Amino acid sequence: MRKTWPALDVRFAVAMGEERAAAADRLAVALDDLRPTAVEEGDGAWRVFFGSTGDRDAAAHALAAEFLGMKCVYLEAGRGEEQAVPETIIGAVRKAVSIPILVGGGIRTPDEAKARVRAGASFIVTGNVLEKSGDGRLIRGFADAVHSAMKPSPAVKNGAEGGS
């Protein structure tokens, strides 16, 4: 019996002069980063299964954005939402794309922001919580949490940042 849920159908093109096996290998390498739960191979297409429909849909939309030339992806839970974008969704998108990921909506504490950066967010967008609190120290709390979760780039580690 053929599995149908939650899956993403992926077709691959064989480049001019490329062997079909090489094209399949190229696709397999790209899919490996998405950590699918299973893959069914077909004629010129693969059905890729994910742990949840959310992971599948987020990865598919983010890949489409990157392939269309977008410079970033914005994952938005909604202004003032009770729940922020789940870390599993952020992780699935991070595995799928190489462009920056902005995450906003429902992030109410520095710890929630930190968790989203650790999951793969490049930027955190927050507003309501800062507007409503009236406490300027909360901004510092968010900044400290986000920066502590970030991994320094190799250039920063080697002291090569900035300057001319």
N, C-alpha and C. Protein backbone atom coordinates (compact mmCIF):
# COMPACT_ATOMS: atom_id res chain seq x y z
N MET A 1 0.85 -1.18 0.00
CA MET A 1 0.00 0.00 0.00
C MET A 1 0.89 1.24 0.00
N ARG A 2 0.62 2.15 -0.86
CA ARG A 2 1.41 3.36 -1.00
C ARG A 2 1.08 4.37 0.10
N LYS A 3 2.13 4.89 0.75
CA LYS A 3 1.95 5.91 1.77
C LYS A 3 1.58 7.23 1.10
N THR A 4 0.75 8.02 1.78
CA THR A 4 0.35 9.29 1.18
C THR A 4 0.53 10.49 2.10
N TRP A 5 0.84 10.29 3.38
CA TRP A 5 0.78 11.43 4.29
C TRP A 5 1.89 11.39 5.29
N PRO A 6 2.43 12.48 5.76
CA PRO A 6 2.60 13.75 5.06
C PRO A 6 3.80 13.66 4.13
N ALA A 7 3.59 13.88 2.88
CA ALA A 7 4.64 13.69 1.88
C ALA A 7 4.76 14.90 0.96
N LEU A 8 5.92 14.98 0.35
CA LEU A 8 6.22 16.00 -0.63
C LEU A 8 6.73 15.29 -1.87
N ASP A 9 6.11 15.50 -3.02
CA ASP A 9 6.57 14.88 -4.25
C ASP A 9 7.63 15.78 -4.87
N VAL A 10 8.79 15.19 -5.14
CA VAL A 10 9.92 15.94 -5.68
C VAL A 10 10.33 15.32 -7.00
N ARG A 11 10.35 16.12 -8.04
CA ARG A 11 10.83 15.67 -9.35
C ARG A 11 12.22 16.22 -9.56
N PHE A 12 13.06 15.46 -10.18
CA PHE A 12 14.40 15.95 -10.45
C PHE A 12 14.68 15.95 -11.94
N ALA A 13 15.44 16.92 -12.34
CA ALA A 13 15.81 17.06 -13.75
C ALA A 13 17.22 16.54 -13.94
N VAL A 14 17.42 15.90 -15.04
CA VAL A 14 18.76 15.43 -15.39
C VAL A 14 19.39 16.52 -16.25
N ALA A 15 20.49 17.07 -15.75
CA ALA A 15 21.18 18.14 -16.48
C ALA A 15 21.83 17.58 -17.74
N MET A 16 22.04 18.45 -18.71
CA MET A 16 22.64 18.05 -19.97
C MET A 16 23.99 17.36 -19.71
N GLY A 17 24.13 16.17 -20.21
CA GLY A 17 25.38 15.42 -20.05
C GLY A 17 25.49 14.68 -18.72
N GLU A 18 24.47 14.82 -17.87
CA GLU A 18 24.51 14.16 -16.56
C GLU A 18 23.82 12.80 -16.65
N GLU A 19 24.36 11.83 -15.99
CA GLU A 19 23.74 10.52 -15.91
C GLU A 19 22.54 10.58 -14.95
N ARG A 20 21.55 9.76 -15.20
CA ARG A 20 20.37 9.72 -14.33
C ARG A 20 20.76 9.40 -12.89
N ALA A 21 21.69 8.50 -12.70
CA ALA A 21 22.12 8.13 -11.35
C ALA A 21 22.76 9.32 -10.64
N ALA A 22 23.50 10.14 -11.38
CA ALA A 22 24.13 11.32 -10.78
C ALA A 22 23.07 12.32 -10.35
N ALA A 23 22.02 12.47 -11.15
CA ALA A 23 20.92 13.38 -10.79
C ALA A 23 20.22 12.88 -9.54
N ALA A 24 20.01 11.57 -9.44
CA ALA A 24 19.37 10.99 -8.26
C ALA A 24 20.25 11.19 -7.03
N ASP A 25 21.55 11.03 -7.20
CA ASP A 25 22.48 11.26 -6.08
C ASP A 25 22.44 12.71 -5.62
N ARG A 26 22.34 13.63 -6.57
CA ARG A 26 22.28 15.06 -6.24
C ARG A 26 21.02 15.36 -5.43
N LEU A 27 19.91 14.77 -5.82
CA LEU A 27 18.66 14.94 -5.08
C LEU A 27 18.75 14.31 -3.69
N ALA A 28 19.35 13.15 -3.60
CA ALA A 28 19.48 12.47 -2.31
C ALA A 28 20.28 13.32 -1.32
N VAL A 29 21.33 13.95 -1.79
CA VAL A 29 22.13 14.81 -0.91
C VAL A 29 21.30 15.99 -0.42
N ALA A 30 20.53 16.61 -1.32
CA ALA A 30 19.67 17.74 -0.93
C ALA A 30 18.60 17.30 0.07
N LEU A 31 18.01 16.13 -0.13
CA LEU A 31 16.95 15.65 0.76
C LEU A 31 17.48 15.22 2.11
N ASP A 32 18.73 14.78 2.16
CA ASP A 32 19.30 14.32 3.42
C ASP A 32 19.24 15.40 4.49
N ASP A 33 19.44 16.65 4.10
CA ASP A 33 19.40 17.75 5.04
C ASP A 33 18.00 17.97 5.63
N LEU A 34 16.96 17.53 4.93
CA LEU A 34 15.59 17.69 5.42
C LEU A 34 15.21 16.62 6.44
N ARG A 35 16.01 15.61 6.58
CA ARG A 35 15.77 14.50 7.51
C ARG A 35 14.36 13.90 7.35
N PRO A 36 14.08 13.40 6.16
CA PRO A 36 12.75 12.79 5.98
C PRO A 36 12.65 11.49 6.76
N THR A 37 11.42 11.08 7.05
CA THR A 37 11.23 9.81 7.76
C THR A 37 11.29 8.63 6.80
N ALA A 38 10.99 8.87 5.51
CA ALA A 38 11.07 7.82 4.49
C ALA A 38 11.08 8.46 3.12
N VAL A 39 11.58 7.71 2.14
CA VAL A 39 11.59 8.18 0.75
C VAL A 39 11.19 7.00 -0.14
N GLU A 40 10.21 7.23 -1.01
CA GLU A 40 9.83 6.23 -2.03
C GLU A 40 10.35 6.73 -3.37
N GLU A 41 11.11 5.90 -4.04
CA GLU A 41 11.64 6.30 -5.34
C GLU A 41 10.69 5.87 -6.44
N GLY A 42 10.48 6.79 -7.39
CA GLY A 42 9.64 6.50 -8.53
C GLY A 42 10.39 6.86 -9.81
N ASP A 43 9.70 6.88 -10.91
CA ASP A 43 10.29 7.19 -12.19
C ASP A 43 10.40 8.71 -12.34
N GLY A 44 11.57 9.25 -12.07
CA GLY A 44 11.78 10.69 -12.21
C GLY A 44 11.24 11.53 -11.08
N ALA A 45 10.71 10.88 -10.05
CA ALA A 45 10.18 11.61 -8.90
C ALA A 45 10.35 10.77 -7.65
N TRP A 46 10.48 11.44 -6.55
CA TRP A 46 10.54 10.76 -5.26
C TRP A 46 9.45 11.33 -4.38
N ARG A 47 8.86 10.49 -3.57
CA ARG A 47 7.90 10.94 -2.56
C ARG A 47 8.67 10.92 -1.24
N VAL A 48 8.74 12.11 -0.62
CA VAL A 48 9.52 12.30 0.59
C VAL A 48 8.55 12.48 1.76
N PHE A 49 8.69 11.67 2.80
CA PHE A 49 7.78 11.70 3.95
C PHE A 49 8.43 12.41 5.13
N PHE A 50 7.61 13.17 5.85
CA PHE A 50 8.05 13.93 7.01
C PHE A 50 7.29 13.49 8.24
N GLY A 51 7.79 13.88 9.40
CA GLY A 51 7.16 13.52 10.66
C GLY A 51 5.82 14.21 10.88
N SER A 52 5.62 15.35 10.25
CA SER A 52 4.35 16.06 10.41
C SER A 52 4.05 16.86 9.15
N THR A 53 2.78 17.20 8.98
CA THR A 53 2.41 18.03 7.83
C THR A 53 3.02 19.41 7.96
N GLY A 54 3.16 19.91 9.18
CA GLY A 54 3.75 21.22 9.38
C GLY A 54 5.19 21.27 8.91
N ASP A 55 5.98 20.25 9.26
CA ASP A 55 7.37 20.19 8.82
C ASP A 55 7.44 20.12 7.29
N ARG A 56 6.58 19.28 6.71
CA ARG A 56 6.56 19.13 5.25
C ARG A 56 6.19 20.44 4.55
N ASP A 57 5.12 21.06 5.02
CA ASP A 57 4.65 22.28 4.37
C ASP A 57 5.64 23.43 4.53
N ALA A 58 6.21 23.55 5.71
CA ALA A 58 7.17 24.62 5.94
C ALA A 58 8.40 24.43 5.06
N ALA A 59 8.89 23.20 4.97
CA ALA A 59 10.06 22.93 4.13
C ALA A 59 9.76 23.21 2.66
N ALA A 60 8.58 22.79 2.19
CA ALA A 60 8.20 23.00 0.79
C ALA A 60 8.10 24.48 0.45
N HIS A 61 7.44 25.25 1.30
CA HIS A 61 7.29 26.68 1.04
C HIS A 61 8.63 27.41 1.09
N ALA A 62 9.45 27.04 2.05
CA ALA A 62 10.76 27.70 2.17
C ALA A 62 11.65 27.37 0.97
N LEU A 63 11.62 26.12 0.53
CA LEU A 63 12.39 25.75 -0.66
C LEU A 63 11.90 26.52 -1.88
N ALA A 64 10.59 26.65 -2.03
CA ALA A 64 10.03 27.41 -3.15
C ALA A 64 10.51 28.86 -3.10
N ALA A 65 10.50 29.45 -1.92
CA ALA A 65 10.96 30.84 -1.77
C ALA A 65 12.41 30.97 -2.20
N GLU A 66 13.24 30.05 -1.74
CA GLU A 66 14.66 30.12 -2.10
C GLU A 66 14.86 29.91 -3.60
N PHE A 67 14.15 28.94 -4.19
CA PHE A 67 14.29 28.67 -5.62
C PHE A 67 13.78 29.83 -6.47
N LEU A 68 12.82 30.61 -5.94
CA LEU A 68 12.31 31.77 -6.66
C LEU A 68 13.18 33.00 -6.49
N GLY A 69 14.27 32.86 -5.74
CA GLY A 69 15.22 33.95 -5.60
C GLY A 69 15.01 34.85 -4.39
N MET A 70 14.12 34.45 -3.48
CA MET A 70 13.91 35.25 -2.27
C MET A 70 15.20 35.27 -1.47
N LYS A 71 15.43 36.37 -0.78
CA LYS A 71 16.65 36.55 0.00
C LYS A 71 16.49 36.12 1.45
N CYS A 72 15.24 35.88 1.89
CA CYS A 72 14.99 35.41 3.25
C CYS A 72 13.59 34.80 3.31
N VAL A 73 13.32 34.11 4.42
CA VAL A 73 12.01 33.51 4.68
C VAL A 73 11.52 34.07 6.01
N TYR A 74 10.25 34.47 6.07
CA TYR A 74 9.67 34.99 7.31
C TYR A 74 8.60 34.03 7.79
N LEU A 75 8.81 33.43 8.95
CA LEU A 75 7.83 32.55 9.57
C LEU A 75 7.09 33.36 10.62
N GLU A 76 5.81 33.57 10.40
CA GLU A 76 5.00 34.47 11.25
C GLU A 76 3.86 33.71 11.90
N ALA A 77 3.81 33.73 13.24
CA ALA A 77 2.70 33.10 13.96
C ALA A 77 1.50 34.03 13.99
N GLY A 78 1.74 35.33 13.87
CA GLY A 78 0.67 36.32 13.92
C GLY A 78 0.92 37.30 15.04
N ARG A 79 0.61 38.54 14.80
CA ARG A 79 0.84 39.59 15.79
C ARG A 79 0.02 39.31 17.06
N GLY A 80 0.73 39.23 18.18
CA GLY A 80 0.06 39.02 19.45
C GLY A 80 -0.46 37.62 19.68
N GLU A 81 -0.05 36.67 18.88
CA GLU A 81 -0.53 35.29 19.03
C GLU A 81 -0.09 34.70 20.37
N GLU A 82 -0.87 33.73 20.85
CA GLU A 82 -0.53 33.05 22.10
C GLU A 82 0.64 32.10 21.90
N GLN A 83 0.72 31.46 20.74
CA GLN A 83 1.77 30.48 20.45
C GLN A 83 2.73 31.03 19.40
N ALA A 84 4.01 30.90 19.66
CA ALA A 84 5.02 31.28 18.68
C ALA A 84 5.18 30.15 17.66
N VAL A 85 5.89 30.42 16.58
CA VAL A 85 6.18 29.39 15.58
C VAL A 85 6.93 28.26 16.30
N PRO A 86 6.46 27.01 16.18
CA PRO A 86 7.12 25.90 16.88
C PRO A 86 8.57 25.70 16.42
N GLU A 87 9.39 25.30 17.35
CA GLU A 87 10.80 25.07 17.05
C GLU A 87 10.99 23.97 16.01
N THR A 88 10.09 22.98 15.97
CA THR A 88 10.22 21.91 14.98
C THR A 88 10.06 22.45 13.57
N ILE A 89 9.14 23.40 13.40
CA ILE A 89 8.93 24.02 12.08
C ILE A 89 10.17 24.82 11.69
N ILE A 90 10.70 25.59 12.64
CA ILE A 90 11.90 26.39 12.36
C ILE A 90 13.05 25.46 11.97
N GLY A 91 13.19 24.36 12.69
CA GLY A 91 14.25 23.39 12.39
C GLY A 91 14.09 22.78 11.01
N ALA A 92 12.86 22.44 10.63
CA ALA A 92 12.62 21.85 9.30
C ALA A 92 12.96 22.85 8.20
N VAL A 93 12.60 24.11 8.41
CA VAL A 93 12.91 25.13 7.41
C VAL A 93 14.41 25.36 7.35
N ARG A 94 15.08 25.42 8.51
CA ARG A 94 16.53 25.63 8.52
C ARG A 94 17.25 24.53 7.75
N LYS A 95 16.76 23.29 7.88
CA LYS A 95 17.38 22.17 7.15
C LYS A 95 17.13 22.27 5.66
N ALA A 96 16.05 22.94 5.28
CA ALA A 96 15.66 23.00 3.87
C ALA A 96 16.32 24.12 3.09
N VAL A 97 16.64 25.23 3.75
CA VAL A 97 17.12 26.42 3.01
C VAL A 97 18.44 26.93 3.56
N SER A 98 19.12 27.70 2.73
CA SER A 98 20.38 28.32 3.15
C SER A 98 20.22 29.82 3.38
N ILE A 99 19.04 30.37 3.06
CA ILE A 99 18.81 31.81 3.23
C ILE A 99 18.40 32.11 4.67
N PRO A 100 18.52 33.37 5.11
CA PRO A 100 18.15 33.72 6.48
C PRO A 100 16.66 33.47 6.76
N ILE A 101 16.38 33.13 8.02
CA ILE A 101 15.01 32.88 8.47
C ILE A 101 14.67 33.89 9.56
N LEU A 102 13.59 34.66 9.34
CA LEU A 102 13.06 35.58 10.34
C LEU A 102 11.88 34.90 11.00
N VAL A 103 11.77 35.00 12.32
CA VAL A 103 10.67 34.38 13.05
C VAL A 103 10.02 35.42 13.93
N GLY A 104 8.69 35.54 13.83
CA GLY A 104 7.98 36.52 14.63
C GLY A 104 6.61 36.05 15.06
N GLY A 105 6.04 36.77 16.01
CA GLY A 105 4.69 36.49 16.49
C GLY A 105 4.69 35.54 17.67
N GLY A 106 4.11 35.97 18.78
CA GLY A 106 3.94 35.09 19.93
C GLY A 106 5.18 34.87 20.78
N ILE A 107 6.26 35.55 20.48
CA ILE A 107 7.50 35.40 21.27
C ILE A 107 7.43 36.41 22.40
N ARG A 108 7.21 35.91 23.62
CA ARG A 108 6.95 36.80 24.75
C ARG A 108 8.09 36.92 25.76
N THR A 109 9.04 35.99 25.71
CA THR A 109 10.12 36.03 26.69
C THR A 109 11.47 35.88 26.00
N PRO A 110 12.52 36.36 26.64
CA PRO A 110 13.86 36.15 26.09
C PRO A 110 14.18 34.66 25.89
N ASP A 111 13.72 33.80 26.80
CA ASP A 111 13.98 32.37 26.65
C ASP A 111 13.30 31.80 25.41
N GLU A 112 12.09 32.27 25.09
CA GLU A 112 11.41 31.81 23.86
C GLU A 112 12.18 32.26 22.63
N ALA A 113 12.70 33.47 22.66
CA ALA A 113 13.51 33.97 21.54
C ALA A 113 14.78 33.14 21.39
N LYS A 114 15.43 32.87 22.49
CA LYS A 114 16.66 32.08 22.48
C LYS A 114 16.42 30.69 21.90
N ALA A 115 15.31 30.05 22.28
CA ALA A 115 14.98 28.72 21.78
C ALA A 115 14.78 28.73 20.27
N ARG A 116 14.18 29.80 19.75
CA ARG A 116 13.95 29.88 18.31
C ARG A 116 15.25 30.12 17.54
N VAL A 117 16.16 30.86 18.11
CA VAL A 117 17.48 31.03 17.48
C VAL A 117 18.22 29.70 17.48
N ARG A 118 18.16 29.00 18.59
CA ARG A 118 18.82 27.68 18.65
C ARG A 118 18.21 26.70 17.65
N ALA A 119 16.91 26.85 17.36
CA ALA A 119 16.23 25.97 16.40
C ALA A 119 16.59 26.31 14.96
N GLY A 120 17.13 27.53 14.73
CA GLY A 120 17.53 27.87 13.37
C GLY A 120 17.15 29.25 12.89
N ALA A 121 16.46 30.04 13.72
CA ALA A 121 16.09 31.39 13.31
C ALA A 121 17.34 32.26 13.18
N SER A 122 17.37 33.06 12.14
CA SER A 122 18.47 34.01 11.94
C SER A 122 18.16 35.34 12.62
N PHE A 123 16.88 35.70 12.64
CA PHE A 123 16.41 36.95 13.23
C PHE A 123 15.13 36.69 14.01
N ILE A 124 14.93 37.44 15.08
CA ILE A 124 13.70 37.38 15.86
C ILE A 124 12.98 38.72 15.69
N VAL A 125 11.68 38.65 15.41
CA VAL A 125 10.86 39.85 15.26
C VAL A 125 9.88 39.86 16.43
N THR A 126 9.92 40.91 17.24
CA THR A 126 9.00 41.02 18.36
C THR A 126 8.60 42.48 18.52
N GLY A 127 7.44 42.70 19.04
CA GLY A 127 6.97 44.08 19.17
C GLY A 127 5.99 44.24 20.30
N ASN A 128 4.86 43.49 20.24
CA ASN A 128 3.81 43.65 21.25
C ASN A 128 4.33 43.56 22.66
N VAL A 129 5.13 42.56 22.95
CA VAL A 129 5.60 42.36 24.32
C VAL A 129 6.44 43.54 24.78
N LEU A 130 7.21 44.12 23.88
CA LEU A 130 8.04 45.26 24.25
C LEU A 130 7.20 46.53 24.40
N GLU A 131 6.22 46.70 23.52
CA GLU A 131 5.33 47.86 23.60
C GLU A 131 4.50 47.83 24.87
N LYS A 132 4.01 46.67 25.25
CA LYS A 132 3.13 46.55 26.40
C LYS A 132 3.88 46.61 27.73
N SER A 133 5.13 46.15 27.74
CA SER A 133 5.84 46.08 29.02
C SER A 133 6.28 47.46 29.52
N GLY A 134 6.70 48.33 28.61
CA GLY A 134 7.19 49.64 29.01
C GLY A 134 8.51 49.58 29.77
N ASP A 135 9.12 48.42 29.84
CA ASP A 135 10.38 48.23 30.57
C ASP A 135 11.52 48.11 29.56
N GLY A 136 12.35 49.12 29.49
CA GLY A 136 13.47 49.13 28.55
C GLY A 136 14.46 48.00 28.79
N ARG A 137 14.50 47.48 30.01
CA ARG A 137 15.43 46.38 30.32
C ARG A 137 15.04 45.10 29.59
N LEU A 138 13.76 44.97 29.21
CA LEU A 138 13.32 43.78 28.50
C LEU A 138 14.00 43.69 27.13
N ILE A 139 14.22 44.82 26.50
CA ILE A 139 14.92 44.82 25.20
C ILE A 139 16.31 44.22 25.40
N ARG A 140 17.01 44.64 26.43
CA ARG A 140 18.35 44.11 26.72
C ARG A 140 18.26 42.61 26.98
N GLY A 141 17.22 42.16 27.69
CA GLY A 141 17.04 40.73 27.96
C GLY A 141 16.89 39.93 26.68
N PHE A 142 16.08 40.45 25.74
CA PHE A 142 15.92 39.78 24.45
C PHE A 142 17.25 39.76 23.69
N ALA A 143 17.92 40.90 23.63
CA ALA A 143 19.19 40.98 22.90
C ALA A 143 20.21 40.01 23.48
N ASP A 144 20.34 39.99 24.80
CA ASP A 144 21.31 39.09 25.44
C ASP A 144 20.97 37.62 25.16
N ALA A 145 19.69 37.28 25.24
CA ALA A 145 19.27 35.89 25.00
C ALA A 145 19.55 35.46 23.57
N VAL A 146 19.20 36.33 22.62
CA VAL A 146 19.41 35.99 21.21
C VAL A 146 20.91 35.87 20.91
N HIS A 147 21.69 36.82 21.38
CA HIS A 147 23.13 36.78 21.09
C HIS A 147 23.81 35.60 21.76
N SER A 148 23.35 35.19 22.94
CA SER A 148 23.96 34.04 23.61
C SER A 148 23.66 32.74 22.88
N ALA A 149 22.56 32.71 22.12
CA ALA A 149 22.18 31.50 21.38
C ALA A 149 22.86 31.40 20.03
N MET A 150 23.38 32.51 19.54
CA MET A 150 23.99 32.54 18.20
C MET A 150 25.38 31.92 18.25
N LYS A 151 25.71 31.22 17.17
CA LYS A 151 27.05 30.67 17.02
C LYS A 151 27.87 31.66 16.22
N PRO A 152 29.05 32.03 16.70
CA PRO A 152 29.86 32.98 15.94
C PRO A 152 30.31 32.38 14.61
N SER A 153 30.40 33.24 13.60
CA SER A 153 30.86 32.78 12.30
C SER A 153 32.35 32.49 12.39
N PRO A 154 32.90 31.68 11.47
CA PRO A 154 34.34 31.39 11.51
C PRO A 154 35.18 32.65 11.44
N ALA A 155 34.73 33.68 10.72
CA ALA A 155 35.50 34.93 10.61
C ALA A 155 35.59 35.61 11.97
N VAL A 156 34.49 35.57 12.75
CA VAL A 156 34.50 36.20 14.07
C VAL A 156 35.40 35.41 15.01
N LYS A 157 35.33 34.06 14.95
CA LYS A 157 36.16 33.22 15.80
C LYS A 157 37.64 33.49 15.56
N ASN A 158 37.99 33.74 14.31
CA ASN A 158 39.39 33.95 13.96
C ASN A 158 39.82 35.39 14.05
N GLY A 159 38.94 36.26 14.56
CA GLY A 159 39.29 37.67 14.72
C GLY A 159 39.34 38.43 13.43
N ALA A 160 38.65 37.96 12.39
CA ALA A 160 38.71 38.60 11.08
C ALA A 160 37.50 39.47 10.80
N GLU A 161 36.68 39.78 11.83
CA GLU A 161 35.48 40.56 11.55
C GLU A 161 35.81 42.03 11.38
N GLY A 162 34.99 42.69 10.55
CA GLY A 162 35.09 44.14 10.38
C GLY A 162 36.43 44.59 9.83
N GLY A 163 36.57 45.91 9.77
CA GLY A 163 37.83 46.50 9.33
C GLY A 163 38.05 46.41 7.85
N SER A 164 39.06 47.12 7.39
CA SER A 164 39.36 47.05 5.97
C SER A 164 40.81 46.77 5.76
